């Protein structure tokens, strides 16, 4: 099969689309994927979208703009240009939901930090960092025969 071959698709066939993660780069990549699906006439057949991480950001944005791809694309481009970190941080400190989330995370972070300090008290040398770097990769025990 070559890149120009097409699989037969029934006229009423529905498509499930999976969008992977990878932060804003994944969101930008998937914007191009949706544009390509639209250009080929396949986007209207997408009945289900499954997504994680950056793919889920784009999928949520797509689902919030039903029927108007140009409006969705403009909104997605603006979101990608603005970035995700600053708006998320602003929401975390300026909304009641954000402040509640921060209040729930702080004790967990403090507990983990305290555990790390207890494991490596100040002034005590860490175990040999060079040995950690030079460890061989984990061996997978899958049978590939």
N, C-alpha and C. Protein backbone atom coordinates (compact mmCIF):
# COMPACT_ATOMS: atom_id res chain seq x y z
N UNK A 1 0.85 -1.18 0.00
CA UNK A 1 0.00 0.00 0.00
C UNK A 1 0.89 1.24 0.00
N UNK A 2 0.59 2.17 -0.86
CA UNK A 2 1.37 3.41 -0.94
C UNK A 2 0.63 4.53 -0.23
N UNK A 3 1.25 5.68 -0.14
CA UNK A 3 0.65 6.83 0.53
C UNK A 3 -0.58 7.36 -0.18
N UNK A 4 -0.75 7.02 -1.46
CA UNK A 4 -1.91 7.52 -2.20
C UNK A 4 -3.06 6.53 -2.22
N UNK A 5 -2.82 5.28 -1.78
CA UNK A 5 -3.90 4.30 -1.72
C UNK A 5 -4.88 4.68 -0.62
N UNK A 6 -6.13 4.41 -0.86
CA UNK A 6 -7.15 4.71 0.15
C UNK A 6 -7.88 3.44 0.50
N UNK A 7 -8.19 3.30 1.77
CA UNK A 7 -8.98 2.16 2.22
C UNK A 7 -10.43 2.42 1.87
N UNK A 8 -11.15 1.36 1.46
CA UNK A 8 -12.56 1.56 1.16
C UNK A 8 -13.32 1.93 2.43
N UNK A 9 -14.22 2.89 2.31
CA UNK A 9 -14.98 3.37 3.46
C UNK A 9 -16.43 3.50 3.04
N UNK A 10 -17.29 2.80 3.74
CA UNK A 10 -18.72 2.87 3.42
C UNK A 10 -19.20 4.30 3.56
N UNK A 11 -20.18 4.66 2.76
CA UNK A 11 -20.69 6.03 2.74
C UNK A 11 -21.20 6.48 4.11
N UNK A 12 -21.72 5.56 4.92
CA UNK A 12 -22.27 5.93 6.22
C UNK A 12 -21.33 5.58 7.38
N UNK A 13 -20.09 5.23 7.07
CA UNK A 13 -19.13 4.83 8.11
C UNK A 13 -18.80 6.01 9.02
N UNK A 14 -18.69 5.73 10.31
CA UNK A 14 -18.29 6.72 11.30
C UNK A 14 -16.85 6.44 11.69
N UNK A 15 -16.15 7.47 12.12
CA UNK A 15 -14.73 7.35 12.45
C UNK A 15 -14.53 7.69 13.92
N UNK A 16 -13.63 6.96 14.59
CA UNK A 16 -13.17 7.29 15.93
C UNK A 16 -11.76 7.86 15.77
N UNK A 17 -11.51 8.96 16.42
CA UNK A 17 -10.23 9.67 16.29
C UNK A 17 -9.51 9.66 17.63
N UNK A 18 -8.23 9.31 17.64
CA UNK A 18 -7.42 9.33 18.85
C UNK A 18 -6.36 10.43 18.70
N UNK A 19 -6.33 11.36 19.68
CA UNK A 19 -5.35 12.44 19.68
C UNK A 19 -4.41 12.23 20.87
N UNK A 20 -3.13 12.13 20.58
CA UNK A 20 -2.14 11.81 21.61
C UNK A 20 -1.74 13.05 22.40
N UNK A 21 -0.90 12.81 23.40
CA UNK A 21 -0.41 13.89 24.23
C UNK A 21 0.91 14.44 23.74
N UNK A 22 1.39 15.45 24.44
CA UNK A 22 2.65 16.09 24.09
C UNK A 22 2.58 17.60 24.24
N UNK A 23 1.66 18.07 25.08
CA UNK A 23 1.58 19.50 25.37
C UNK A 23 1.13 20.32 24.18
N UNK A 24 1.64 21.54 24.11
CA UNK A 24 1.19 22.46 23.06
C UNK A 24 1.65 22.01 21.68
N UNK A 25 2.77 21.30 21.60
CA UNK A 25 3.19 20.78 20.29
C UNK A 25 2.18 19.77 19.76
N UNK A 26 1.67 18.92 20.65
CA UNK A 26 0.65 17.96 20.23
C UNK A 26 -0.62 18.68 19.80
N UNK A 27 -1.01 19.71 20.54
CA UNK A 27 -2.21 20.47 20.18
C UNK A 27 -2.05 21.10 18.81
N UNK A 28 -0.88 21.65 18.53
CA UNK A 28 -0.64 22.26 17.22
C UNK A 28 -0.64 21.21 16.12
N UNK A 29 -0.02 20.06 16.39
CA UNK A 29 0.00 18.98 15.41
C UNK A 29 -1.42 18.51 15.11
N UNK A 30 -2.22 18.34 16.16
CA UNK A 30 -3.57 17.84 15.97
C UNK A 30 -4.48 18.87 15.30
N UNK A 31 -4.18 20.14 15.45
CA UNK A 31 -4.92 21.16 14.70
C UNK A 31 -4.70 20.91 13.20
N UNK A 32 -3.46 20.62 12.82
CA UNK A 32 -3.17 20.29 11.43
C UNK A 32 -3.86 19.01 10.99
N UNK A 33 -3.94 18.03 11.91
CA UNK A 33 -4.63 16.78 11.61
C UNK A 33 -6.10 17.04 11.32
N UNK A 34 -6.74 17.84 12.16
CA UNK A 34 -8.16 18.15 11.95
C UNK A 34 -8.37 18.92 10.65
N UNK A 35 -7.45 19.82 10.36
CA UNK A 35 -7.55 20.56 9.09
C UNK A 35 -7.47 19.61 7.90
N UNK A 36 -6.55 18.64 7.97
CA UNK A 36 -6.41 17.66 6.89
C UNK A 36 -7.65 16.79 6.77
N UNK A 37 -8.20 16.37 7.90
CA UNK A 37 -9.43 15.57 7.86
C UNK A 37 -10.58 16.38 7.26
N UNK A 38 -10.63 17.65 7.58
CA UNK A 38 -11.67 18.52 7.00
C UNK A 38 -11.47 18.65 5.50
N UNK A 39 -10.23 18.86 5.07
CA UNK A 39 -9.94 19.05 3.64
C UNK A 39 -10.29 17.81 2.82
N UNK A 40 -10.19 16.62 3.44
CA UNK A 40 -10.51 15.38 2.72
C UNK A 40 -11.98 14.99 2.89
N UNK A 41 -12.73 15.76 3.65
CA UNK A 41 -14.15 15.46 3.86
C UNK A 41 -14.40 14.40 4.91
N UNK A 42 -13.38 14.03 5.67
CA UNK A 42 -13.54 12.99 6.68
C UNK A 42 -13.91 13.52 8.06
N UNK A 43 -13.67 14.78 8.32
CA UNK A 43 -13.91 15.31 9.66
C UNK A 43 -15.38 15.19 10.05
N UNK A 44 -16.29 15.36 9.10
CA UNK A 44 -17.71 15.25 9.42
C UNK A 44 -18.11 13.83 9.81
N UNK A 45 -17.27 12.86 9.52
CA UNK A 45 -17.57 11.47 9.88
C UNK A 45 -17.06 11.08 11.27
N UNK A 46 -16.28 11.96 11.89
CA UNK A 46 -15.74 11.66 13.22
C UNK A 46 -16.89 11.68 14.23
N UNK A 47 -17.14 10.51 14.84
CA UNK A 47 -18.22 10.37 15.80
C UNK A 47 -17.70 10.36 17.24
N UNK A 48 -16.45 9.96 17.42
CA UNK A 48 -15.88 9.81 18.75
C UNK A 48 -14.44 10.32 18.72
N UNK A 49 -14.09 11.06 19.77
CA UNK A 49 -12.70 11.51 19.92
C UNK A 49 -12.20 11.04 21.28
N UNK A 50 -11.07 10.39 21.29
CA UNK A 50 -10.39 10.00 22.52
C UNK A 50 -9.06 10.74 22.54
N UNK A 51 -8.75 11.39 23.66
CA UNK A 51 -7.54 12.23 23.67
C UNK A 51 -6.92 12.28 25.06
N UNK A 52 -5.62 12.58 25.09
CA UNK A 52 -4.90 12.79 26.34
C UNK A 52 -4.05 14.04 26.22
N UNK A 53 -3.75 14.67 27.33
CA UNK A 53 -2.83 15.79 27.45
C UNK A 53 -3.11 16.88 26.41
N UNK A 54 -2.11 17.24 25.62
CA UNK A 54 -2.28 18.31 24.62
C UNK A 54 -3.37 17.99 23.62
N UNK A 55 -3.54 16.72 23.30
CA UNK A 55 -4.61 16.31 22.40
C UNK A 55 -5.97 16.57 23.01
N UNK A 56 -6.09 16.42 24.34
CA UNK A 56 -7.38 16.64 24.99
C UNK A 56 -7.72 18.13 25.04
N UNK A 57 -6.71 18.99 25.12
CA UNK A 57 -6.97 20.43 25.09
C UNK A 57 -7.60 20.80 23.75
N UNK A 58 -7.02 20.29 22.68
CA UNK A 58 -7.55 20.60 21.36
C UNK A 58 -8.91 19.94 21.15
N UNK A 59 -9.08 18.71 21.60
CA UNK A 59 -10.36 18.02 21.45
C UNK A 59 -11.48 18.77 22.20
N UNK A 60 -11.20 19.24 23.40
CA UNK A 60 -12.19 19.99 24.17
C UNK A 60 -12.55 21.29 23.45
N UNK A 61 -11.56 21.95 22.92
CA UNK A 61 -11.80 23.19 22.18
C UNK A 61 -12.63 22.91 20.94
N UNK A 62 -12.32 21.83 20.23
CA UNK A 62 -13.07 21.46 19.03
C UNK A 62 -14.54 21.17 19.37
N UNK A 63 -14.74 20.43 20.45
CA UNK A 63 -16.11 20.07 20.84
C UNK A 63 -16.90 21.28 21.35
N UNK A 64 -16.20 22.31 21.78
CA UNK A 64 -16.90 23.51 22.28
C UNK A 64 -17.26 24.47 21.16
N UNK A 65 -16.86 24.19 19.93
CA UNK A 65 -17.17 25.03 18.76
C UNK A 65 -17.87 24.19 17.70
N UNK A 66 -19.05 23.63 17.99
CA UNK A 66 -19.69 22.73 17.03
C UNK A 66 -20.12 23.46 15.76
N UNK A 67 -19.82 22.80 14.63
CA UNK A 67 -20.32 23.28 13.35
C UNK A 67 -19.54 24.38 12.66
N UNK A 68 -18.71 25.10 13.36
CA UNK A 68 -18.00 26.22 12.74
C UNK A 68 -16.50 26.00 12.86
N UNK A 69 -15.93 25.29 11.88
CA UNK A 69 -14.51 24.95 11.94
C UNK A 69 -13.63 26.18 11.92
N UNK A 70 -13.99 27.18 11.15
CA UNK A 70 -13.17 28.39 11.08
C UNK A 70 -13.09 29.10 12.43
N UNK A 71 -14.22 29.15 13.14
CA UNK A 71 -14.22 29.76 14.48
C UNK A 71 -13.36 28.93 15.43
N UNK A 72 -13.50 27.61 15.35
CA UNK A 72 -12.66 26.72 16.18
C UNK A 72 -11.19 26.93 15.88
N UNK A 73 -10.83 26.96 14.59
CA UNK A 73 -9.42 27.10 14.23
C UNK A 73 -8.86 28.44 14.74
N UNK A 74 -9.63 29.50 14.60
CA UNK A 74 -9.17 30.80 15.11
C UNK A 74 -8.96 30.77 16.62
N UNK A 75 -9.92 30.15 17.32
CA UNK A 75 -9.80 30.04 18.78
C UNK A 75 -8.59 29.20 19.17
N UNK A 76 -8.36 28.10 18.44
CA UNK A 76 -7.21 27.22 18.72
C UNK A 76 -5.90 27.95 18.47
N UNK A 77 -5.83 28.68 17.37
CA UNK A 77 -4.60 29.43 17.06
C UNK A 77 -4.30 30.48 18.13
N UNK A 78 -5.35 31.17 18.59
CA UNK A 78 -5.14 32.17 19.66
C UNK A 78 -4.68 31.51 20.95
N UNK A 79 -5.27 30.37 21.28
CA UNK A 79 -4.87 29.65 22.50
C UNK A 79 -3.42 29.18 22.40
N UNK A 80 -3.03 28.67 21.24
CA UNK A 80 -1.66 28.22 21.07
C UNK A 80 -0.68 29.39 21.13
N UNK A 81 -1.06 30.53 20.55
CA UNK A 81 -0.18 31.71 20.58
C UNK A 81 -0.04 32.25 22.00
N UNK A 82 -1.12 32.20 22.77
CA UNK A 82 -1.12 32.70 24.15
C UNK A 82 -0.34 31.77 25.07
N UNK A 83 -0.38 30.47 24.77
CA UNK A 83 0.26 29.48 25.63
C UNK A 83 -0.71 28.98 26.68
N UNK A 84 -0.32 27.95 27.40
CA UNK A 84 -1.21 27.34 28.38
C UNK A 84 -0.80 27.64 29.82
N UNK A 85 0.46 27.90 30.07
CA UNK A 85 0.95 28.02 31.44
C UNK A 85 0.45 29.30 32.12
N UNK A 86 0.64 30.44 31.49
CA UNK A 86 0.24 31.72 32.12
C UNK A 86 -1.25 31.77 32.40
N UNK A 87 -2.13 31.43 31.45
CA UNK A 87 -3.56 31.44 31.76
C UNK A 87 -3.93 30.47 32.89
N UNK A 88 -3.28 29.31 32.93
CA UNK A 88 -3.57 28.35 34.00
C UNK A 88 -3.14 28.90 35.36
N UNK A 89 -1.97 29.52 35.42
CA UNK A 89 -1.51 30.10 36.68
C UNK A 89 -2.42 31.24 37.13
N UNK A 90 -2.82 32.07 36.19
CA UNK A 90 -3.74 33.17 36.53
C UNK A 90 -5.05 32.63 37.08
N UNK A 91 -5.57 31.59 36.45
CA UNK A 91 -6.82 30.99 36.91
C UNK A 91 -6.64 30.39 38.31
N UNK A 92 -5.46 29.83 38.56
CA UNK A 92 -5.19 29.20 39.86
C UNK A 92 -5.19 30.20 41.00
N UNK A 93 -4.82 31.43 40.73
CA UNK A 93 -4.73 32.41 41.82
C UNK A 93 -5.83 33.47 41.79
N UNK A 94 -6.72 33.41 40.79
CA UNK A 94 -7.76 34.44 40.71
C UNK A 94 -9.18 33.88 40.76
N UNK A 95 -9.33 32.55 40.87
CA UNK A 95 -10.68 31.99 40.97
C UNK A 95 -10.78 31.13 42.22
N UNK A 96 -11.99 30.95 42.72
CA UNK A 96 -12.17 30.13 43.92
C UNK A 96 -11.78 28.68 43.65
N UNK A 97 -12.09 28.18 42.44
CA UNK A 97 -11.72 26.80 42.10
C UNK A 97 -10.20 26.65 42.05
N UNK A 98 -9.53 27.63 41.48
CA UNK A 98 -8.07 27.58 41.41
C UNK A 98 -7.43 27.62 42.78
N UNK A 99 -7.93 28.51 43.63
CA UNK A 99 -7.38 28.62 44.98
C UNK A 99 -7.64 27.33 45.77
N UNK A 100 -8.79 26.71 45.56
CA UNK A 100 -9.08 25.44 46.24
C UNK A 100 -8.11 24.36 45.77
N UNK A 101 -7.84 24.32 44.47
CA UNK A 101 -6.89 23.33 43.93
C UNK A 101 -5.49 23.55 44.51
N UNK A 102 -5.06 24.81 44.57
CA UNK A 102 -3.75 25.14 45.14
C UNK A 102 -3.70 24.72 46.61
N UNK A 103 -4.78 25.00 47.34
CA UNK A 103 -4.83 24.63 48.76
C UNK A 103 -4.73 23.12 48.95
N UNK A 104 -5.24 22.36 48.02
CA UNK A 104 -5.15 20.90 48.11
C UNK A 104 -3.78 20.37 47.73
N UNK A 105 -3.08 21.08 46.84
CA UNK A 105 -1.78 20.62 46.37
C UNK A 105 -0.66 20.98 47.34
N UNK A 106 -0.74 22.11 48.01
CA UNK A 106 0.34 22.58 48.88
C UNK A 106 0.71 21.56 49.96
N UNK A 107 -0.25 21.00 50.72
CA UNK A 107 0.16 20.01 51.74
C UNK A 107 0.83 18.77 51.14
N UNK A 108 0.38 18.35 49.98
CA UNK A 108 0.98 17.18 49.33
C UNK A 108 2.41 17.49 48.92
N UNK A 109 2.61 18.66 48.31
CA UNK A 109 3.95 19.06 47.89
C UNK A 109 4.88 19.21 49.10
N UNK A 110 4.37 19.81 50.18
CA UNK A 110 5.18 19.98 51.39
C UNK A 110 5.58 18.63 51.97
N UNK A 111 4.65 17.68 51.98
CA UNK A 111 4.94 16.35 52.50
C UNK A 111 6.01 15.66 51.66
N UNK A 112 5.89 15.76 50.35
CA UNK A 112 6.89 15.14 49.48
C UNK A 112 8.25 15.81 49.61
N UNK A 113 8.25 17.12 49.74
CA UNK A 113 9.50 17.84 49.92
C UNK A 113 10.16 17.45 51.23
N UNK A 114 9.36 17.37 52.30
CA UNK A 114 9.90 16.98 53.61
C UNK A 114 10.47 15.57 53.54
N UNK A 115 9.80 14.67 52.82
CA UNK A 115 10.31 13.30 52.67
C UNK A 115 11.64 13.29 51.93
N UNK A 116 11.77 14.13 50.92
CA UNK A 116 13.03 14.20 50.17
C UNK A 116 14.15 14.75 51.01
N UNK A 117 13.85 15.74 51.85
CA UNK A 117 14.87 16.32 52.73
C UNK A 117 15.29 15.30 53.78
N UNK A 118 14.34 14.53 54.31
CA UNK A 118 14.67 13.52 55.31
C UNK A 118 15.54 12.43 54.72
N UNK A 119 15.31 12.10 53.44
CA UNK A 119 16.12 11.08 52.79
C UNK A 119 17.55 11.53 52.51
N UNK A 120 17.73 12.84 52.33
CA UNK A 120 19.05 13.40 52.00
C UNK A 120 19.31 14.63 52.85
N UNK A 121 19.64 14.45 54.14
CA UNK A 121 19.90 15.61 55.01
C UNK A 121 21.05 16.46 54.49
N UNK A 122 20.97 17.75 54.76
CA UNK A 122 22.02 18.68 54.32
C UNK A 122 23.36 18.27 54.90
N UNK A 123 24.37 18.35 54.07
CA UNK A 123 25.72 18.04 54.53
C UNK A 123 26.12 16.59 54.29
N UNK A 124 25.13 15.70 54.09
CA UNK A 124 25.47 14.31 53.81
C UNK A 124 25.61 14.13 52.30
N UNK A 125 26.67 13.45 51.88
CA UNK A 125 26.84 13.24 50.44
C UNK A 125 25.77 12.30 49.91
N UNK A 126 25.31 12.58 48.71
CA UNK A 126 24.36 11.70 48.04
C UNK A 126 25.12 10.44 47.64
N UNK A 127 24.40 9.32 47.45
CA UNK A 127 25.11 8.16 46.93
C UNK A 127 25.68 8.54 45.57
N UNK A 128 26.59 7.80 45.08
CA UNK A 128 27.37 8.15 43.90
C UNK A 128 26.48 8.53 42.71
N UNK A 129 26.36 9.84 42.38
CA UNK A 129 25.50 10.25 41.27
C UNK A 129 25.97 9.68 39.94
N UNK A 130 27.27 9.47 39.77
CA UNK A 130 27.79 8.93 38.52
C UNK A 130 27.28 7.51 38.30
N UNK A 131 27.14 6.75 39.37
CA UNK A 131 26.63 5.38 39.24
C UNK A 131 25.19 5.38 38.76
N UNK A 132 24.41 6.35 39.22
CA UNK A 132 23.01 6.44 38.79
C UNK A 132 22.93 6.76 37.30
N UNK A 133 23.78 7.63 36.84
CA UNK A 133 23.75 8.03 35.44
C UNK A 133 24.17 6.88 34.55
N UNK A 134 25.09 6.05 35.03
CA UNK A 134 25.66 4.99 34.20
C UNK A 134 24.90 3.68 34.30
N UNK A 135 23.77 3.65 35.00
CA UNK A 135 23.00 2.41 35.09
C UNK A 135 22.55 1.98 33.71
N UNK A 136 22.59 0.68 33.46
CA UNK A 136 22.10 0.19 32.16
C UNK A 136 20.58 0.37 32.10
N UNK A 137 20.02 0.46 30.90
CA UNK A 137 18.57 0.61 30.80
C UNK A 137 17.86 -0.62 31.34
N UNK A 138 16.63 -0.44 31.78
CA UNK A 138 15.86 -1.57 32.31
C UNK A 138 15.66 -2.61 31.22
N UNK A 139 15.71 -3.83 31.65
CA UNK A 139 15.53 -4.93 30.71
C UNK A 139 14.06 -5.30 30.65
N UNK A 140 13.57 -5.47 29.46
CA UNK A 140 12.19 -5.89 29.31
C UNK A 140 12.15 -7.41 29.17
N UNK A 141 11.25 -8.02 29.87
CA UNK A 141 11.17 -9.49 29.87
C UNK A 141 10.08 -10.00 28.94
N UNK A 142 9.74 -9.26 27.90
CA UNK A 142 8.72 -9.71 26.97
C UNK A 142 9.33 -10.71 26.00
N UNK A 143 8.57 -11.71 25.66
CA UNK A 143 9.00 -12.72 24.70
C UNK A 143 8.65 -12.22 23.32
N UNK A 144 9.64 -11.97 22.49
CA UNK A 144 9.39 -11.44 21.15
C UNK A 144 9.51 -12.51 20.08
N UNK A 145 9.57 -13.74 20.49
CA UNK A 145 9.73 -14.82 19.50
C UNK A 145 8.42 -15.16 18.82
